[in-house]
Amino acid sequence: MTVQRLGWSFAGRFVPVPEGGIHHRTGESAQSSPSGKQIIGERVSLSLLGDGYIEAIDSRNIEQKAQQQRKADMGIVGALVSAPILEASSSATEMQVGRFGWKSQHSTLMSSCADSLRNELGIRNPLYPDEYPTHAATDTPTPFDTPDAKTHKTELERLVDEIRHTSPPTRDAKLAGSPDAQAGDKLFTQIGCAVCHVPTYKTLPPGTRINGGTYRVPKFLGNAVIHPYSDFLLHDVGTGDGIPQAAKPEYLDQSTANKFRTASLWGLRFRQGLMHDGDSPGTEAAIKRHAGDATVVRQRYEHLTITEKHQLLQFLSSL
């Protein structure tokens, strides 16, 4: 499904609507707007499978991908995002390399899920405790996520724990082993797709403290070799809609308005509408929409033979 982002272009800057920048299609309050142009954009809901492993990637690995792209001299300049660790208890805001959300606006699963709980499901929680400015004082308070009497865990904590225990989507083993898909795998690297859709990472060792010291990488996530096919950096590939996103308004970076995080390709064969807005009906349609940072790579794809294009698409269909 898609979530609709909504705001206004005001004095050359994007100003999100008060309710988390999300257009709530049901039960939404009347909203006043600044004088300016309304901007609406769609965001495809991202899969949560395997996100615990993504959280356990060393931030330095993502930083290295950004450096390598600049050295490759292909016009690819992925933007590294620093995002707040909302659950960190220190008085000063701690930051970490972002990796969750279409703008990599969250660096931890706890922060990301707290945002979704508040701004998509309407449940306040310790990381997002405030009522919306549009909430009428005469209305009953918005529900607040409190610990369960028996488990002493909040719904947010249980949700994050469950996501961390999910496995990444597996490949179609039969198709992946076919000669066409194996040839397509090599073409994927040769024409430059793997520069942004980075195939392989190894997670941090078990016991490593991350997220401002609030979380220790467990054994089942540590030292794991994973294949998400993303650099978790932001790129302008010509599909921007002028809407930046951030964990909270004070972290909104207007320079990201037309950039998106490289989509993870694991589990690609289970998805239909592709790209950030779901407007690409299939893999080849998505490839042809790539411009900006991805112009050179798309042009290389266009110069492949019919057979080579088939092989590459077969590889992608195995993911």
C-alpha atoms as a PDB file:
ATOM      1  CA  MET A   1       0.000   0.000   0.000  1.00  0.00           C
ATOM      2  CA  THR A   2       1.035   3.630  -0.168  1.00  0.00           C
ATOM      3  CA  VAL A   3       1.087   6.384   2.421  1.00  0.00           C
ATOM      4  CA  GLN A   4       0.427   9.909   1.248  1.00  0.00           C
ATOM      5  CA  ARG A   5       2.808  12.682   2.316  1.00  0.00           C
ATOM      6  CA  LEU A   6       1.417  16.199   2.342  1.00  0.00           C
ATOM      7  CA  GLY A   7       2.728  19.712   2.832  1.00  0.00           C
ATOM      8  CA  TRP A   8       3.244  23.122   1.305  1.00  0.00           C
ATOM      9  CA  SER A   9       5.979  24.859  -0.619  1.00  0.00           C
ATOM     10  CA  PHE A  10       6.409  28.069   1.314  1.00  0.00           C
ATOM     11  CA  ALA A  11       9.158  30.619   0.541  1.00  0.00           C
ATOM     12  CA  GLY A  12      11.120  27.930  -1.279  1.00  0.00           C
ATOM     13  CA  ARG A  13      10.947  25.441   1.597  1.00  0.00           C
ATOM     14  CA  PHE A  14       8.741  22.414   2.202  1.00  0.00           C
ATOM     15  CA  VAL A  15       6.524  22.728   5.262  1.00  0.00           C
ATOM     16  CA  PRO A  16       4.817  19.444   6.284  1.00  0.00           C
ATOM     17  CA  VAL A  17       1.275  19.364   7.604  1.00  0.00           C
ATOM     18  CA  PRO A  18       1.082  19.309  11.411  1.00  0.00           C
ATOM     19  CA  GLU A  19       0.113  15.646  11.617  1.00  0.00           C
ATOM     20  CA  GLY A  20       3.550  14.187  10.973  1.00  0.00           C
ATOM     21  CA  GLY A  21       3.538  15.200   7.307  1.00  0.00           C
ATOM     22  CA  ILE A  22       1.047  12.415   6.574  1.00  0.00           C
ATOM     23  CA  HIS A  23      -2.337  12.847   4.932  1.00  0.00           C
ATOM     24  CA  HIS A  24      -4.640  10.780   7.129  1.00  0.00           C
ATOM     25  CA  ARG A  25      -7.330   9.605   4.762  1.00  0.00           C
ATOM     26  CA  THR A  26      -9.857   8.887   7.526  1.00  0.00           C
ATOM     27  CA  GLY A  27     -10.737  10.822  10.648  1.00  0.00           C
ATOM     28  CA  GLU A  28      -8.519  13.771   9.833  1.00  0.00           C
ATOM     29  CA  SER A  29      -8.953  17.210  11.293  1.00  0.00           C
ATOM     30  CA  ALA A  30      -9.516  20.365   9.312  1.00  0.00           C
ATOM     31  CA  GLN A  31      -6.120  21.931   8.744  1.00  0.00           C
ATOM     32  CA  SER A  32      -5.079  25.480   8.043  1.00  0.00           C
ATOM     33  CA  SER A  33      -2.219  25.969   5.591  1.00  0.00           C
ATOM     34  CA  PRO A  34       0.375  28.622   4.921  1.00  0.00           C
ATOM     35  CA  SER A  35       0.045  30.555   1.699  1.00  0.00           C
ATOM     36  CA  GLY A  36       1.879  28.434  -0.821  1.00  0.00           C
ATOM     37  CA  LYS A  37       1.648  25.559  -3.233  1.00  0.00           C
ATOM     38  CA  GLN A  38       0.331  22.262  -1.905  1.00  0.00           C
ATOM     39  CA  ILE A  39       2.623  19.269  -2.495  1.00  0.00           C
ATOM     40  CA  ILE A  40       1.370  15.685  -2.308  1.00  0.00           C
ATOM     41  CA  GLY A  41       3.441  12.565  -2.805  1.00  0.00           C
ATOM     42  CA  GLU A  42       2.981   8.824  -2.425  1.00  0.00           C
ATOM     43  CA  ARG A  43       5.288   6.553  -0.442  1.00  0.00           C
ATOM     44  CA  VAL A  44       5.193   2.790  -0.880  1.00  0.00           C
ATOM     45  CA  SER A  45       5.189   0.980   2.452  1.00  0.00           C
ATOM     46  CA  LEU A  46       8.582  -0.638   2.964  1.00  0.00           C
ATOM     47  CA  SER A  47       9.033  -4.260   3.954  1.00  0.00           C
ATOM     48  CA  LEU A  48      10.176  -4.827   7.530  1.00  0.00           C
ATOM     49  CA  LEU A  49      11.572  -8.326   6.929  1.00  0.00           C
ATOM     50  CA  GLY A  50      15.235  -8.545   7.883  1.00  0.00           C
ATOM     51  CA  ASP A  51      15.401  -5.000   9.242  1.00  0.00           C
ATOM     52  CA  GLY A  52      17.097  -6.262  12.402  1.00  0.00           C
ATOM     53  CA  TYR A  53      20.080  -7.215  10.258  1.00  0.00           C
ATOM     54  CA  ILE A  54      20.119  -3.808   8.569  1.00  0.00           C
ATOM     55  CA  GLU A  55      20.177  -2.190  12.005  1.00  0.00           C
ATOM     56  CA  ALA A  56      23.249  -4.303  12.841  1.00  0.00           C
ATOM     57  CA  ILE A  57      25.288  -3.043   9.849  1.00  0.00           C
ATOM     58  CA  ASP A  58      28.318  -1.028  10.927  1.00  0.00           C
ATOM     59  CA  SER A  59      27.698   2.648  10.152  1.00  0.00           C
ATOM     60  CA  ARG A  60      31.262   2.878   8.847  1.00  0.00           C
ATOM     61  CA  ASN A  61      30.381   0.444   6.057  1.00  0.00           C
ATOM     62  CA  ILE A  62      27.666   2.788   4.818  1.00  0.00           C
ATOM     63  CA  GLU A  63      30.048   5.744   5.064  1.00  0.00           C
ATOM     64  CA  GLN A  64      32.583   3.826   2.953  1.00  0.00           C
ATOM     65  CA  LYS A  65      29.992   3.247   0.219  1.00  0.00           C
ATOM     66  CA  ALA A  66      29.494   7.010  -0.080  1.00  0.00           C
ATOM     67  CA  GLN A  67      33.244   7.551  -0.387  1.00  0.00           C
ATOM     68  CA  GLN A  68      33.625   4.785  -2.972  1.00  0.00           C
ATOM     69  CA  GLN A  69      30.861   6.214  -5.136  1.00  0.00           C
ATOM     70  CA  ARG A  70      32.567   9.570  -5.353  1.00  0.00           C
ATOM     71  CA  LYS A  71      35.840   7.946  -6.338  1.00  0.00           C
ATOM     72  CA  ALA A  72      34.138   5.871  -9.050  1.00  0.00           C
ATOM     73  CA  ASP A  73      33.537   9.026 -11.135  1.00  0.00           C
ATOM     74  CA  MET A  74      30.187   7.840 -12.549  1.00  0.00           C
ATOM     75  CA  GLY A  75      28.179  10.868 -11.495  1.00  0.00           C
ATOM     76  CA  ILE A  76      26.842   8.902  -8.521  1.00  0.00           C
ATOM     77  CA  VAL A  77      26.913  10.922  -5.313  1.00  0.00           C
ATOM     78  CA  GLY A  78      24.922   9.202  -2.596  1.00  0.00           C
ATOM     79  CA  ALA A  79      24.078  11.470   0.333  1.00  0.00           C
ATOM     80  CA  LEU A  80      24.864  10.150   3.791  1.00  0.00           C
ATOM     81  CA  VAL A  81      22.168  10.952   6.359  1.00  0.00           C
ATOM     82  CA  SER A  82      22.732  11.433  10.070  1.00  0.00           C
ATOM     83  CA  ALA A  83      19.594  10.668  12.025  1.00  0.00           C
ATOM     84  CA  PRO A  84      18.789  11.102  15.717  1.00  0.00           C
ATOM     85  CA  ILE A  85      18.750   8.154  18.102  1.00  0.00           C
ATOM     86  CA  LEU A  86      15.483   9.089  19.746  1.00  0.00           C
ATOM     87  CA  GLU A  87      15.690   6.392  22.430  1.00  0.00           C
ATOM     88  CA  ALA A  88      19.144   7.487  23.659  1.00  0.00           C
ATOM     89  CA  SER A  89      18.968   8.830  27.205  1.00  0.00           C
ATOM     90  CA  SER A  90      21.794  11.404  27.062  1.00  0.00           C
ATOM     91  CA  SER A  91      20.877  15.077  27.385  1.00  0.00           C
ATOM     92  CA  ALA A  92      22.513  15.944  24.051  1.00  0.00           C
ATOM     93  CA  THR A  93      20.908  14.430  20.950  1.00  0.00           C
ATOM     94  CA  GLU A  94      22.976  11.515  19.662  1.00  0.00           C
ATOM     95  CA  MET A  95      23.163  10.934  15.931  1.00  0.00           C
ATOM     96  CA  GLN A  96      23.861   7.824  13.860  1.00  0.00           C
ATOM     97  CA  VAL A  97      23.959   6.955  10.164  1.00  0.00           C
ATOM     98  CA  GLY A  98      20.368   6.713   8.927  1.00  0.00           C
ATOM     99  CA  ARG A  99      19.124   3.610   7.098  1.00  0.00           C
ATOM    100  CA  PHE A 100      15.351   3.255   7.604  1.00  0.00           C
ATOM    101  CA  GLY A 101      12.620   4.998   5.623  1.00  0.00           C
ATOM    102  CA  TRP A 102      12.602   6.439   2.101  1.00  0.00           C
ATOM    103  CA  LYS A 103      14.849   9.270   3.274  1.00  0.00           C
ATOM    104  CA  SER A 104      16.976   7.169   5.669  1.00  0.00           C
ATOM    105  CA  GLN A 105      15.443   9.492   8.251  1.00  0.00           C
ATOM    106  CA  HIS A 106      15.762   6.940  11.024  1.00  0.00           C
ATOM    107  CA  SER A 107      18.907   5.252  12.268  1.00  0.00           C
ATOM    108  CA  THR A 108      17.286   2.722  14.602  1.00  0.00           C
ATOM    109  CA  LEU A 109      14.266   0.440  14.490  1.00  0.00           C
ATOM    110  CA  MET A 110      13.008   1.835  17.782  1.00  0.00           C
ATOM    111  CA  SER A 111      12.973   5.369  16.377  1.00  0.00           C
ATOM    112  CA  SER A 112      11.414   4.261  13.091  1.00  0.00           C
ATOM    113  CA  CYS A 113       8.668   2.193  14.673  1.00  0.00           C
ATOM    114  CA  ALA A 114       7.870   4.909  17.214  1.00  0.00           C
ATOM    115  CA  ASP A 115       7.347   7.315  14.303  1.00  0.00           C
ATOM    116  CA  SER A 116       5.044   4.858  12.521  1.00  0.00           C
ATOM    117  CA  LEU A 117       3.136   4.093  15.718  1.00  0.00           C
ATOM    118  CA  ARG A 118       2.453   7.789  16.288  1.00  0.00           C
ATOM    119  CA  ASN A 119       2.077   9.192  12.794  1.00  0.00           C
ATOM    120  CA  GLU A 120       0.495   6.269  10.958  1.00  0.00           C
ATOM    121  CA  LEU A 121      -1.461   4.484  13.686  1.00  0.00           C
ATOM    122  CA  GLY A 122      -2.203   7.453  15.937  1.00  0.00           C
ATOM    123  CA  ILE A 123      -0.676   6.046  19.130  1.00  0.00           C
ATOM    124  CA  ARG A 124       1.523   8.328  21.199  1.00  0.00           C
ATOM    125  CA  ASN A 125       4.560   6.768  22.854  1.00  0.00           C
ATOM    126  CA  PRO A 126       7.615   7.797  24.921  1.00  0.00           C
ATOM    127  CA  LEU A 127       9.531   8.887  21.794  1.00  0.00           C
ATOM    128  CA  TYR A 128       6.559  10.756  20.278  1.00  0.00           C
ATOM    129  CA  PRO A 129       4.518  11.794  23.331  1.00  0.00           C
ATOM    130  CA  ASP A 130       2.899  15.010  22.096  1.00  0.00           C
ATOM    131  CA  GLU A 131      -0.562  15.586  20.729  1.00  0.00           C
ATOM    132  CA  TYR A 132      -0.807  17.019  17.229  1.00  0.00           C
ATOM    133  CA  PRO A 133      -1.249  20.805  17.109  1.00  0.00           C
ATOM    134  CA  THR A 134      -4.572  20.116  15.372  1.00  0.00           C
ATOM    135  CA  HIS A 135      -5.878  18.042  18.300  1.00  0.00           C
ATOM    136  CA  ALA A 136      -8.854  19.832  19.817  1.00  0.00           C
ATOM    137  CA  ALA A 137      -8.612  20.411  23.556  1.00  0.00           C
ATOM    138  CA  THR A 138     -12.216  19.244  23.906  1.00  0.00           C
ATOM    139  CA  ASP A 139     -11.441  15.838  22.345  1.00  0.00           C
ATOM    140  CA  THR A 140     -10.379  12.830  24.371  1.00  0.00           C
ATOM    141  CA  PRO A 141      -6.593  12.337  24.528  1.00  0.00           C
ATOM    142  CA  THR A 142      -4.929  10.309  21.790  1.00  0.00           C
ATOM    143  CA  PRO A 143      -4.081   6.770  23.035  1.00  0.00           C
ATOM    144  CA  PHE A 144      -0.685   6.429  24.736  1.00  0.00           C
ATOM    145  CA  ASP A 145       1.457   3.285  24.560  1.00  0.00           C
ATOM    146  CA  THR A 146       1.923   2.086  28.141  1.00  0.00           C
ATOM    147  CA  PRO A 147       3.670  -1.058  29.448  1.00  0.00           C
ATOM    148  CA  ASP A 148       1.665  -4.255  29.683  1.00  0.00           C
ATOM    149  CA  ALA A 149       0.887  -5.193  33.281  1.00  0.00           C
ATOM    150  CA  LYS A 150       2.211  -8.746  32.843  1.00  0.00           C
ATOM    151  CA  THR A 151       5.168  -8.398  30.491  1.00  0.00           C
ATOM    152  CA  HIS A 152       6.085  -4.807  31.466  1.00  0.00           C
ATOM    153  CA  LYS A 153       6.766  -4.154  27.779  1.00  0.00           C
ATOM    154  CA  THR A 154       5.141  -1.489  25.669  1.00  0.00           C
ATOM    155  CA  GLU A 155       3.560  -2.268  22.303  1.00  0.00           C
ATOM    156  CA  LEU A 156       6.474  -0.396  20.711  1.00  0.00           C
ATOM    157  CA  GLU A 157       9.039  -2.614  22.426  1.00  0.00           C
ATOM    158  CA  ARG A 158       7.194  -5.784  21.444  1.00  0.00           C
ATOM    159  CA  LEU A 159       6.859  -4.605  17.838  1.00  0.00           C
ATOM    160  CA  VAL A 160      10.568  -3.785  17.535  1.00  0.00           C
ATOM    161  CA  ASP A 161      11.520  -7.113  19.111  1.00  0.00           C
ATOM    162  CA  GLU A 162       9.339  -8.989  16.630  1.00  0.00           C
ATOM    163  CA  ILE A 163      10.789  -7.152  13.629  1.00  0.00           C
ATOM    164  CA  ARG A 164      14.333  -7.852  14.823  1.00  0.00           C
ATOM    165  CA  HIS A 165      13.508 -11.566  14.813  1.00  0.00           C
ATOM    166  CA  THR A 166      12.282 -11.636  11.205  1.00  0.00           C
ATOM    167  CA  SER A 167      14.445 -13.227   8.532  1.00  0.00           C
ATOM    168  CA  PRO A 168      15.351 -11.470   5.274  1.00  0.00           C
ATOM    169  CA  PRO A 169      13.456 -12.600   2.169  1.00  0.00           C
ATOM    170  CA  THR A 170      15.168 -15.578   0.557  1.00  0.00           C
ATOM    171  CA  ARG A 171      15.930 -15.880  -3.131  1.00  0.00           C
ATOM    172  CA  ASP A 172      14.152 -18.162  -5.588  1.00  0.00           C
ATOM    173  CA  ALA A 173      16.834 -20.859  -5.442  1.00  0.00           C
ATOM    174  CA  LYS A 174      15.792 -22.585  -8.655  1.00  0.00           C
ATOM    175  CA  LEU A 175      15.754 -19.411 -10.709  1.00  0.00           C
ATOM    176  CA  ALA A 176      18.915 -18.077  -9.048  1.00  0.00           C
ATOM    177  CA  GLY A 177      20.746 -21.229 -10.128  1.00  0.00           C
ATOM    178  CA  SER A 178      19.744 -20.907 -13.774  1.00  0.00           C
ATOM    179  CA  PRO A 179      22.408 -19.927 -16.344  1.00  0.00           C
ATOM    180  CA  ASP A 180      20.441 -16.823 -17.354  1.00  0.00           C
ATOM    181  CA  ALA A 181      20.133 -15.504 -13.787  1.00  0.00           C
ATOM    182  CA  GLN A 182      23.802 -16.200 -13.084  1.00  0.00           C
ATOM    183  CA  ALA A 183      24.788 -14.323 -16.238  1.00  0.00           C
ATOM    184  CA  GLY A 184      22.444 -11.513 -15.189  1.00  0.00           C
ATOM    185  CA  ASP A 185      24.135 -11.357 -11.785  1.00  0.00           C
ATOM    186  CA  LYS A 186      27.436 -10.573 -13.513  1.00  0.00           C
ATOM    187  CA  LEU A 187      25.803  -7.971 -15.763  1.00  0.00           C
ATOM    188  CA  PHE A 188      24.262  -6.327 -12.694  1.00  0.00           C
ATOM    189  CA  THR A 189      27.763  -5.586 -11.455  1.00  0.00           C
ATOM    190  CA  GLN A 190      29.310  -4.862 -14.849  1.00  0.00           C
ATOM    191  CA  ILE A 191      26.928  -2.073 -15.829  1.00  0.00           C
ATOM    192  CA  GLY A 192      27.078  -0.460 -12.379  1.00  0.00           C
ATOM    193  CA  CYS A 193      23.811  -1.395 -10.676  1.00  0.00           C
ATOM    194  CA  ALA A 194      25.770  -2.738  -7.700  1.00  0.00           C
ATOM    195  CA  VAL A 195      27.355   0.671  -7.063  1.00  0.00           C
ATOM    196  CA  CYS A 196      24.116   1.732  -5.327  1.00  0.00           C
ATOM    197  CA  HIS A 197      22.310  -1.594  -4.946  1.00  0.00           C
ATOM    198  CA  VAL A 198      25.199  -2.981  -2.883  1.00  0.00           C
ATOM    199  CA  PRO A 199      24.708  -6.750  -2.679  1.00  0.00           C
ATOM    200  CA  THR A 200      26.543  -7.809   0.467  1.00  0.00           C
ATOM    201  CA  TYR A 201      27.226  -6.692   4.023  1.00  0.00           C
ATOM    202  CA  LYS A 202      28.396  -8.408   7.184  1.00  0.00           C
ATOM    203  CA  THR A 203      26.724  -7.392  10.421  1.00  0.00           C
ATOM    204  CA  LEU A 204      28.596  -6.359  13.538  1.00  0.00           C
ATOM    205  CA  PRO A 205      29.864  -9.023  15.974  1.00  0.00           C
ATOM    206  CA  PRO A 206      27.484 -10.219  18.704  1.00  0.00           C
ATOM    207  CA  GLY A 207      27.655  -8.080  21.814  1.00  0.00           C
ATOM    208  CA  THR A 208      28.515  -4.849  19.966  1.00  0.00           C
ATOM    209  CA  ARG A 209      26.686  -1.889  21.491  1.00  0.00           C
ATOM    210  CA  ILE A 210      24.912   0.331  18.960  1.00  0.00           C
ATOM    211  CA  ASN A 211      22.137   2.946  18.957  1.00  0.00           C
ATOM    212  CA  GLY A 212      23.853   5.145  21.506  1.00  0.00           C
ATOM    213  CA  GLY A 213      24.507   2.162  23.751  1.00  0.00           C
ATOM    214  CA  THR A 214      20.819   1.307  24.080  1.00  0.00           C
ATOM    215  CA  TYR A 215      21.025  -1.972  22.161  1.00  0.00           C
ATOM    216  CA  ARG A 216      23.499  -4.827  22.030  1.00  0.00           C
ATOM    217  CA  VAL A 217      23.706  -6.878  18.809  1.00  0.00           C
ATOM    218  CA  PRO A 218      22.379 -10.354  19.733  1.00  0.00           C
ATOM    219  CA  LYS A 219      23.963 -13.627  18.662  1.00  0.00           C
ATOM    220  CA  PHE A 220      21.290 -14.403  16.083  1.00  0.00           C
ATOM    221  CA  LEU A 221      22.003 -11.121  14.245  1.00  0.00           C
ATOM    222  CA  GLY A 222      25.759 -10.834  14.730  1.00  0.00           C
ATOM    223  CA  ASN A 223      28.445 -11.717  12.144  1.00  0.00           C
ATOM    224  CA  ALA A 224      25.753 -12.488   9.565  1.00  0.00           C
ATOM    225  CA  VAL A 225      26.380 -12.133   5.826  1.00  0.00           C
ATOM    226  CA  ILE A 226      23.307 -10.469   4.291  1.00  0.00           C
ATOM    227  CA  HIS A 227      22.316  -9.381   0.781  1.00  0.00           C
ATOM    228  CA  PRO A 228      19.983  -6.352   0.948  1.00  0.00           C
ATOM    229  CA  TYR A 229      21.113  -4.753  -2.355  1.00  0.00           C
ATOM    230  CA  SER A 230      21.154  -1.165  -1.088  1.00  0.00           C
ATOM    231  CA  ASP A 231      23.712   1.418  -0.030  1.00  0.00           C
ATOM    232  CA  PHE A 232      21.155   3.104   2.300  1.00  0.00           C
ATOM    233  CA  LEU A 233      22.249   6.457   0.846  1.00  0.00           C
ATOM    234  CA  LEU A 234      19.989   9.065  -0.751  1.00  0.00           C
ATOM    235  CA  HIS A 235      20.121   9.652  -4.508  1.00  0.00           C
ATOM    236  CA  ASP A 236      18.417  11.978  -6.963  1.00  0.00           C
ATOM    237  CA  VAL A 237      17.316   9.637  -9.763  1.00  0.00           C
ATOM    238  CA  GLY A 238      14.938  12.097 -11.351  1.00  0.00           C
ATOM    239  CA  THR A 239      11.767  10.977  -9.563  1.00  0.00           C
ATOM    240  CA  GLY A 240      11.749  13.481  -6.705  1.00  0.00           C
ATOM    241  CA  ASP A 241       8.528  15.126  -5.542  1.00  0.00           C
ATOM    242  CA  GLY A 242       9.959  17.940  -3.444  1.00  0.00           C
ATOM    243  CA  ILE A 243       9.094  16.347  -0.084  1.00  0.00           C
ATOM    244  CA  PRO A 244      11.880  15.898   2.490  1.00  0.00           C
ATOM    245  CA  GLN A 245      11.221  13.726   5.542  1.00  0.00           C
ATOM    246  CA  ALA A 246      12.822  13.606   8.958  1.00  0.00           C
ATOM    247  CA  ALA A 247      12.401  11.900  12.307  1.00  0.00           C
ATOM    248  CA  LYS A 248      11.158  15.222  13.695  1.00  0.00           C
ATOM    249  CA  PRO A 249      10.638  18.652  12.110  1.00  0.00           C
ATOM    250  CA  GLU A 250      13.828  20.106  13.597  1.00  0.00           C
ATOM    251  CA  TYR A 251      15.880  17.599  11.581  1.00  0.00           C
ATOM    252  CA  LEU A 252      14.214  18.344   8.246  1.00  0.00           C
ATOM    253  CA  ASP A 253      16.895  18.721   5.557  1.00  0.00           C
ATOM    254  CA  GLN A 254      15.519  20.581   2.548  1.00  0.00           C
ATOM    255  CA  SER A 255      18.408  19.355   0.359  1.00  0.00           C
ATOM    256  CA  THR A 256      16.900  15.847   0.420  1.00  0.00           C
ATOM    257  CA  ALA A 257      13.576  16.978  -1.094  1.00  0.00           C
ATOM    258  CA  ASN A 258      14.176  15.205  -4.411  1.00  0.00           C
ATOM    259  CA  LYS A 259      16.325  12.338  -3.146  1.00  0.00           C
ATOM    260  CA  PHE A 260      15.377   8.843  -2.035  1.00  0.00           C
ATOM    261  CA  ARG A 261      17.106   5.982  -0.287  1.00  0.00           C
ATOM    262  CA  THR A 262      18.249   3.254  -2.641  1.00  0.00           C
ATOM    263  CA  ALA A 263      15.488   0.652  -2.504  1.00  0.00           C
ATOM    264  CA  SER A 264      16.557  -2.692  -1.045  1.00  0.00           C
ATOM    265  CA  LEU A 265      16.095  -5.366  -3.692  1.00  0.00           C
ATOM    266  CA  TRP A 266      15.845  -8.417  -1.480  1.00  0.00           C
ATOM    267  CA  GLY A 267      12.292  -9.689  -1.804  1.00  0.00           C
ATOM    268  CA  LEU A 268      11.919  -7.803  -5.097  1.00  0.00           C
ATOM    269  CA  ARG A 269       9.970 -10.638  -6.734  1.00  0.00           C
ATOM    270  CA  PHE A 270       7.193 -10.283  -4.147  1.00  0.00           C
ATOM    271  CA  ARG A 271       6.565  -6.610  -4.940  1.00  0.00           C
ATOM    272  CA  GLN A 272       4.433  -5.113  -7.699  1.00  0.00           C
ATOM    273  CA  GLY A 273       4.401  -1.319  -7.865  1.00  0.00           C
ATOM    274  CA  LEU A 274       8.070  -0.295  -7.676  1.00  0.00           C
ATOM    275  CA  MET A 275      10.060   2.870  -6.866  1.00  0.00           C
ATOM    276  CA  HIS A 276       9.130   5.183  -3.980  1.00  0.00           C
ATOM    277  CA  ASP A 277       5.645   5.908  -5.343  1.00  0.00           C
ATOM    278  CA  GLY A 278       4.720   2.465  -6.685  1.00  0.00           C
ATOM    279  CA  ASP A 279       4.172   3.956 -10.161  1.00  0.00           C
ATOM    280  CA  SER A 280       6.509   1.525 -11.944  1.00  0.00           C
ATOM    281  CA  PRO A 281       4.510  -1.626 -12.815  1.00  0.00           C
ATOM    282  CA  GLY A 282       7.559  -3.871 -13.219  1.00  0.00           C
ATOM    283  CA  THR A 283      11.324  -4.134 -12.998  1.00  0.00           C
ATOM    284  CA  GLU A 284      12.107  -2.899 -16.497  1.00  0.00           C
ATOM    285  CA  ALA A 285       9.754   0.064 -16.087  1.00  0.00           C
ATOM    286  CA  ALA A 286      11.564   0.958 -12.878  1.00  0.00           C
ATOM    287  CA  ILE A 287      14.965   0.749 -14.575  1.00  0.00           C
ATOM    288  CA  LYS A 288      13.811   3.049 -17.381  1.00  0.00           C
ATOM    289  CA  ARG A 289      12.705   5.682 -14.835  1.00  0.00           C
ATOM    290  CA  HIS A 290      16.239   5.939 -13.463  1.00  0.00           C
ATOM    291  CA  ALA A 291      17.881   9.267 -14.329  1.00  0.00           C
ATOM    292  CA  GLY A 292      20.005  11.761 -12.396  1.00  0.00           C
ATOM    293  CA  ASP A 293      22.602   9.820 -10.395  1.00  0.00           C
ATOM    294  CA  ALA A 294      21.644   6.654 -12.275  1.00  0.00           C
ATOM    295  CA  THR A 295      21.782   8.054 -15.828  1.00  0.00           C
ATOM    296  CA  VAL A 296      25.047   6.345 -16.823  1.00  0.00           C
ATOM    297  CA  VAL A 297      23.912   2.989 -15.458  1.00  0.00           C
ATOM    298  CA  ARG A 298      20.537   3.226 -17.191  1.00  0.00           C
ATOM    299  CA  GLN A 299      22.252   4.063 -20.473  1.00  0.00           C
ATOM    300  CA  ARG A 300      24.459   1.010 -20.084  1.00  0.00           C
ATOM    301  CA  TYR A 301      21.340  -1.089 -19.584  1.00  0.00           C
ATOM    302  CA  GLU A 302      19.802   0.376 -22.734  1.00  0.00           C
ATOM    303  CA  HIS A 303      22.876  -0.659 -24.728  1.00  0.00           C
ATOM    304  CA  LEU A 304      22.634  -4.304 -23.638  1.00  0.00           C
ATOM    305  CA  THR A 305      21.486  -6.850 -26.195  1.00  0.00           C
ATOM    306  CA  ILE A 306      18.005  -8.341 -25.948  1.00  0.00           C
ATOM    307  CA  THR A 307      19.551 -11.519 -24.541  1.00  0.00           C
ATOM    308  CA  GLU A 308      21.556  -9.623 -21.925  1.00  0.00           C
ATOM    309  CA  LYS A 309      18.507  -7.620 -20.827  1.00  0.00           C
ATOM    310  CA  HIS A 310      16.595 -10.892 -20.413  1.00  0.00           C
ATOM    311  CA  GLN A 311      19.429 -12.307 -18.327  1.00  0.00           C
ATOM    312  CA  LEU A 312      19.554  -9.261 -16.077  1.00  0.00           C
ATOM    313  CA  LEU A 313      15.788  -9.304 -15.562  1.00  0.00           C
ATOM    314  CA  GLN A 314      15.923 -13.009 -14.765  1.00  0.00           C
ATOM    315  CA  PHE A 315      18.499 -12.273 -12.070  1.00  0.00           C
ATOM    316  CA  LEU A 316      16.315  -9.538 -10.611  1.00  0.00           C
ATOM    317  CA  SER A 317      13.312 -11.871 -10.705  1.00  0.00           C
ATOM    318  CA  SER A 318      15.241 -14.310  -8.506  1.00  0.00           C
ATOM    319  CA  LEU A 319      15.671 -11.790  -5.674  1.00  0.00           C
END
